[in-house]
Amino acid sequence: MARKPNYRFERSERDKAKAAKKAEKLALKAEKSEPQEGETEQETGESGGESSAE
């Protein structure tokens, strides 16, 4: 005998999985868009030199 379908539960499980995947993608995108430590130090050093020259 086949089980009785529980559409609401199945839908909520799919939605949870979709939301988790989307959150993971956004986290990776945000991490990728943040400047790396080496780049930030170089930019700060350059701009610091310009402000002291003025």
Foldseek 3Di string as FASTA:
>chain_A
DDDDDDVVVVVVVVVVVVVVVVVVVVVVVVVVPDDDPVVVVVVVVVVVVVVVVD
